[in-house]
Amino acid sequence: MYHTITLLHPGAMGTAVGTLFRNSGHTVRWVSAHRSAATHERATSAGFDVFSTLQAALDGSTMVVAVCPPASAINVASHVASFGFAGIYLDANAISPRRTHQIRGIVEATGATFLDGGIVGVPPKERGESCLYLSGPHATELTSVLQGGPLDVITVSDNVGDASALKMCYAAYTKGSTALLASIAATASAYGVYDVLMQRWHAEGSGLDASVERRLQNAPRKAWRFEGEMHEIADTFAAVNQPEGFHRAAAEVYRRIAQLGQRFESTPVDDVLQALRDGT
């Protein structure tokens, strides 16, 4: 079955998901209101059909795909539900299983069918770099018709929440380790031993010296999203009696970094270290 899809918020990763659907034969719509020039360019280049309002886009859509910052996931679902949408709602956000079930309740209350999604990896340029994991009663059915885009698609199980749990566990390391390295670097800087630490890591051949600088330079561009994601990971850990403090602290690291804004494609390391030391 081919779907007419309303893609919410076609950022870099959202556009990759939309391209996966479009290249697999589905029709993809997006809503242009209040979107940036960069979003307009991405969506236009991807060949998505443009609509001026969400209500217009939902009229005739059989599926909604939500890819948005985790802190916005519930509000976005509630907005879609307010129009009485009764198709398939695929939530592909970086949220905890508990949040996933909250959203499931919101969209199913208006007759929609919920599908859980988790995206692992960076916005891909080619197949094999990133993966969309799906779980829920209709996951296998959808996986079978999504084979034409830049993302690999894998069904985890028929249980809603499993795809989100996988995403949380994966990001707990990838983004959590970045926050840990950033905090270590800031502490070393505050004590005046940053350069010596980098030299030690370089001498060991661990690659941590190059890794920490690269991660610090790139962190401000996405820190505003990752702060909320760390809280979702902490909730995921806490729900199964695992310590949540690691990722609450990581959220604070990203909050401090986010104060720098997105001024540069690559932010000077000294600026990031200063923001972490200031802690404002």
Protein backbone atom coordinates (compact mmCIF):
# COMPACT_ATOMS: atom_id res chain seq x y z
CA MET A 1 0.00 0.00 0.00
CA TYR A 2 1.31 3.42 -0.94
CA HIS A 3 0.71 6.34 1.39
CA THR A 4 0.19 10.07 1.14
CA ILE A 5 2.40 11.35 3.93
CA THR A 6 2.52 14.62 5.82
CA LEU A 7 6.12 15.04 6.96
CA LEU A 8 6.37 17.30 9.99
CA HIS A 9 9.50 19.49 10.14
CA PRO A 10 11.80 18.41 7.29
CA GLY A 11 15.15 19.22 8.87
CA ALA A 12 18.26 17.37 7.76
CA MET A 13 17.15 14.04 9.24
CA GLY A 14 13.47 14.59 8.53
CA THR A 15 14.29 15.19 4.87
CA ALA A 16 16.22 11.90 4.78
CA VAL A 17 13.15 10.11 6.16
CA GLY A 18 10.89 11.89 3.65
CA THR A 19 13.24 10.93 0.82
CA LEU A 20 13.08 7.32 1.96
CA PHE A 21 9.30 7.39 1.57
CA ARG A 22 9.31 9.33 -1.69
CA ASN A 23 11.90 7.08 -3.33
CA SER A 24 9.83 4.08 -2.25
CA GLY A 25 6.83 5.36 -4.23
CA HIS A 26 4.91 7.29 -1.59
CA THR A 27 3.75 10.91 -1.86
CA VAL A 28 5.32 13.28 0.67
CA ARG A 29 3.80 16.60 1.77
CA TRP A 30 5.20 19.30 4.01
CA VAL A 31 3.87 22.49 5.59
CA SER A 32 5.72 25.68 4.68
CA ALA A 33 4.27 28.03 7.31
CA HIS A 34 6.84 29.33 9.83
CA ARG A 35 9.67 27.30 8.33
CA SER A 36 13.15 28.65 7.63
CA ALA A 37 14.69 29.34 4.24
CA ALA A 38 16.97 26.34 4.73
CA THR A 39 13.95 24.09 5.31
CA HIS A 40 12.26 25.46 2.19
CA GLU A 41 15.38 24.66 0.18
CA ARG A 42 15.68 21.12 1.57
CA ALA A 43 12.04 20.24 1.02
CA THR A 44 11.95 21.74 -2.47
CA SER A 45 15.13 19.96 -3.51
CA ALA A 46 13.72 16.68 -2.20
CA GLY A 47 10.59 17.10 -4.33
CA PHE A 48 8.07 17.21 -1.50
CA ASP A 49 4.64 18.71 -2.20
CA VAL A 50 4.18 22.02 -0.39
CA PHE A 51 1.08 22.99 1.62
CA SER A 52 0.50 26.26 3.42
CA THR A 53 -1.28 24.85 6.49
CA LEU A 54 -1.23 21.63 8.46
CA GLN A 55 -4.98 21.21 8.07
CA ALA A 56 -4.66 21.32 4.28
CA ALA A 57 -1.78 18.84 4.31
CA LEU A 58 -3.62 16.39 6.57
CA ASP A 59 -6.68 16.41 4.30
CA GLY A 60 -6.17 13.28 2.23
CA SER A 61 -3.03 12.12 4.07
CA THR A 62 -2.94 8.50 5.19
CA MET A 63 0.18 8.89 7.33
CA VAL A 64 1.95 11.51 9.43
CA VAL A 65 5.68 11.25 10.08
CA ALA A 66 6.93 13.31 13.03
CA VAL A 67 10.64 14.14 13.24
CA CYS A 68 11.05 17.04 15.66
CA PRO A 69 13.02 18.04 18.77
CA PRO A 70 12.10 15.68 21.63
CA ALA A 71 10.79 18.49 23.82
CA SER A 72 8.19 19.27 21.14
CA ALA A 73 7.02 15.70 20.47
CA ILE A 74 3.90 15.78 22.67
CA ASN A 75 2.77 19.22 21.49
CA VAL A 76 3.22 18.19 17.87
CA ALA A 77 1.18 15.02 18.38
CA SER A 78 -1.54 16.96 20.19
CA HIS A 79 -1.71 19.48 17.35
CA VAL A 80 -2.15 16.73 14.76
CA ALA A 81 -4.76 15.00 16.93
CA SER A 82 -6.71 18.26 17.22
CA PHE A 83 -7.58 17.91 13.52
CA GLY A 84 -9.02 14.44 14.10
CA PHE A 85 -6.32 12.67 12.07
CA ALA A 86 -7.18 8.96 11.85
CA GLY A 87 -4.38 7.52 9.69
CA ILE A 88 -0.99 6.12 10.73
CA TYR A 89 1.08 8.32 13.03
CA LEU A 90 4.79 7.45 12.89
CA ASP A 91 6.69 9.10 15.73
CA ALA A 92 10.40 8.96 14.85
CA ASN A 93 11.57 11.27 17.61
CA ALA A 94 14.34 10.75 20.19
CA ILE A 95 12.03 10.08 23.12
CA SER A 96 11.75 7.57 25.94
CA PRO A 97 9.42 4.57 25.73
CA ARG A 98 7.26 6.23 28.41
CA ARG A 99 6.89 9.36 26.29
CA THR A 100 6.20 7.16 23.27
CA HIS A 101 3.24 5.56 25.04
CA GLN A 102 1.95 9.00 26.07
CA ILE A 103 1.94 10.08 22.44
CA ARG A 104 0.35 6.81 21.40
CA GLY A 105 -2.55 7.57 23.74
CA ILE A 106 -2.94 11.07 22.32
CA VAL A 107 -3.12 10.05 18.65
CA GLU A 108 -5.11 6.85 19.15
CA ALA A 109 -7.80 8.83 20.98
CA THR A 110 -8.81 10.33 17.62
CA GLY A 111 -8.71 7.00 15.77
CA ALA A 112 -5.12 7.06 14.48
CA THR A 113 -2.84 4.02 14.41
CA PHE A 114 0.46 4.57 16.21
CA LEU A 115 3.84 3.40 14.94
CA ASP A 116 7.06 3.74 16.95
CA GLY A 117 10.27 4.81 15.21
CA GLY A 118 13.86 5.45 16.24
CA ILE A 119 16.56 6.88 13.96
CA VAL A 120 20.16 5.85 14.60
CA GLY A 121 23.05 7.66 12.92
CA VAL A 122 23.66 10.99 11.21
CA PRO A 123 21.66 12.48 8.32
CA PRO A 124 22.83 10.06 5.62
CA LYS A 125 24.31 10.79 2.23
CA GLU A 126 24.11 7.17 1.12
CA ARG A 127 22.65 3.83 2.16
CA GLY A 128 24.29 2.07 5.08
CA GLU A 129 25.17 5.14 7.15
CA SER A 130 21.99 5.36 9.24
CA CYS A 131 18.92 3.32 10.07
CA LEU A 132 15.25 3.83 10.84
CA TYR A 133 14.09 1.23 13.36
CA LEU A 134 10.37 0.53 13.60
CA SER A 135 8.25 -1.25 16.18
CA GLY A 136 4.55 -1.81 16.61
CA PRO A 137 1.78 -3.92 15.09
CA HIS A 138 2.28 -2.51 11.56
CA ALA A 139 6.07 -2.19 11.57
CA THR A 140 6.83 -5.22 9.39
CA GLU A 141 4.21 -4.17 6.84
CA LEU A 142 5.73 -0.70 6.50
CA THR A 143 9.31 -1.97 6.44
CA SER A 144 8.48 -4.09 3.41
CA VAL A 145 7.56 -1.02 1.34
CA LEU A 146 10.44 1.24 2.41
CA GLN A 147 13.42 0.18 0.36
CA GLY A 148 14.18 3.14 -1.88
CA GLY A 149 15.94 5.79 0.14
CA PRO A 150 19.08 6.74 2.05
CA LEU A 151 18.06 5.04 5.30
CA ASP A 152 18.13 1.32 6.08
CA VAL A 153 14.84 0.21 7.65
CA ILE A 154 14.65 -2.56 10.25
CA THR A 155 11.72 -3.89 12.27
CA VAL A 156 12.63 -4.36 15.92
CA SER A 157 9.42 -6.03 17.12
CA ASP A 158 5.66 -5.64 17.19
CA ASN A 159 5.86 -3.89 20.59
CA VAL A 160 5.39 -0.12 20.68
CA GLY A 161 8.28 1.40 22.62
CA ASP A 162 11.02 -0.99 21.52
CA ALA A 163 12.28 1.21 18.69
CA SER A 164 12.41 4.19 21.05
CA ALA A 165 14.25 2.12 23.67
CA LEU A 166 16.85 1.13 21.10
CA LYS A 167 17.32 4.75 20.03
CA MET A 168 17.73 5.85 23.65
CA CYS A 169 20.33 3.18 24.41
CA TYR A 170 22.29 4.02 21.26
CA ALA A 171 22.29 7.78 21.91
CA ALA A 172 23.11 7.21 25.58
CA TYR A 173 26.63 6.38 24.43
CA THR A 174 27.13 8.45 21.28
CA LYS A 175 25.84 11.74 22.67
CA GLY A 176 26.39 10.91 26.31
CA SER A 177 30.08 10.24 25.71
CA THR A 178 30.41 13.59 23.94
CA ALA A 179 28.99 15.33 26.99
CA LEU A 180 31.35 13.38 29.27
CA LEU A 181 34.40 14.31 27.18
CA ALA A 182 33.28 17.95 27.09
CA SER A 183 32.94 18.02 30.88
CA ILE A 184 36.37 16.40 31.34
CA ALA A 185 37.93 18.93 28.97
CA ALA A 186 36.30 21.85 30.77
CA THR A 187 37.48 20.56 34.15
CA ALA A 188 41.03 20.11 32.86
CA SER A 189 40.90 23.61 31.40
CA ALA A 190 39.71 25.08 34.72
CA TYR A 191 42.66 23.46 36.50
CA GLY A 192 45.11 24.56 33.80
CA VAL A 193 46.04 21.04 32.66
CA TYR A 194 44.05 20.85 29.42
CA ASP A 195 47.12 20.88 27.12
CA VAL A 196 48.90 18.25 29.22
CA LEU A 197 45.81 16.01 29.09
CA MET A 198 45.64 16.35 25.30
CA GLN A 199 49.34 15.46 25.09
CA ARG A 200 48.80 12.39 27.25
CA TRP A 201 45.93 11.17 25.09
CA HIS A 202 47.95 11.85 21.95
CA ALA A 203 50.94 9.91 23.29
CA GLU A 204 48.71 6.94 24.11
CA GLY A 205 47.40 6.87 20.55
CA SER A 206 43.84 6.68 21.79
CA GLY A 207 42.64 9.41 19.44
CA LEU A 208 40.79 11.08 22.31
CA ASP A 209 42.71 14.33 21.82
CA ALA A 210 41.44 14.71 18.26
CA SER A 211 38.01 13.35 19.19
CA VAL A 212 37.38 15.78 22.04
CA GLU A 213 38.32 18.81 19.94
CA ARG A 214 36.16 17.69 17.02
CA ARG A 215 33.20 16.99 19.29
CA LEU A 216 33.55 20.31 21.10
CA GLN A 217 33.67 22.22 17.82
CA ASN A 218 30.50 20.51 16.53
CA ALA A 219 28.48 20.38 19.77
CA PRO A 220 26.91 23.89 19.71
CA ARG A 221 25.05 23.24 16.46
CA LYS A 222 22.87 20.54 18.04
CA ALA A 223 23.18 21.17 21.77
CA TRP A 224 19.69 22.74 21.94
CA ARG A 225 18.22 19.42 20.77
CA PHE A 226 20.50 17.17 22.77
CA GLU A 227 19.65 18.74 26.13
CA GLY A 228 16.09 17.42 25.89
CA GLU A 229 17.26 14.10 24.49
CA MET A 230 19.50 13.53 27.52
CA HIS A 231 16.49 13.94 29.81
CA GLU A 232 14.58 11.40 27.70
CA ILE A 233 17.49 8.96 28.05
CA ALA A 234 17.59 9.55 31.81
CA ASP A 235 13.86 8.76 31.99
CA THR A 236 14.48 5.59 29.97
CA PHE A 237 17.18 4.43 32.40
CA ALA A 238 15.16 5.30 35.49
CA ALA A 239 12.16 3.31 34.25
CA VAL A 240 14.21 0.09 34.49
CA ASN A 241 15.96 0.93 37.77
CA GLN A 242 19.22 2.14 36.22
CA PRO A 243 21.03 5.27 37.46
CA GLU A 244 19.74 8.33 35.64
CA GLY A 245 22.29 10.82 36.92
CA PHE A 246 24.75 10.31 34.06
CA HIS A 247 22.40 11.77 31.52
CA ARG A 248 20.85 14.44 33.75
CA ALA A 249 24.41 15.75 34.02
CA ALA A 250 24.87 15.40 30.26
CA ALA A 251 21.73 17.51 29.78
CA GLU A 252 23.33 20.25 31.87
CA VAL A 253 26.49 20.06 29.75
CA TYR A 254 24.45 20.55 26.59
CA ARG A 255 22.42 23.35 28.20
CA ARG A 256 25.60 25.29 28.86
CA ILE A 257 26.93 24.67 25.36
CA ALA A 258 23.60 25.67 23.83
CA GLN A 259 24.04 29.18 25.24
CA LEU A 260 26.63 29.75 22.49
CA GLY A 261 23.90 29.48 19.86
CA GLN A 262 24.56 28.24 16.32
CA ARG A 263 26.86 31.01 15.19
CA PHE A 264 29.38 28.82 13.40
CA GLU A 265 29.50 25.56 11.49
CA SER A 266 32.50 24.81 13.73
CA THR A 267 32.76 26.68 17.05
CA PRO A 268 36.23 27.48 18.48
CA VAL A 269 37.15 25.03 21.24
CA ASP A 270 38.08 27.85 23.63
CA ASP A 271 34.56 29.30 23.32
CA VAL A 272 32.99 25.97 24.23
CA LEU A 273 35.30 25.44 27.18
CA GLN A 274 34.55 28.94 28.44
CA ALA A 275 30.79 28.34 28.23
CA LEU A 276 31.17 25.12 30.20
CA ARG A 277 33.35 26.76 32.83
CA ASP A 278 30.99 29.72 33.21
CA GLY A 279 28.03 27.43 33.75
CA THR A 280 25.46 30.17 33.19
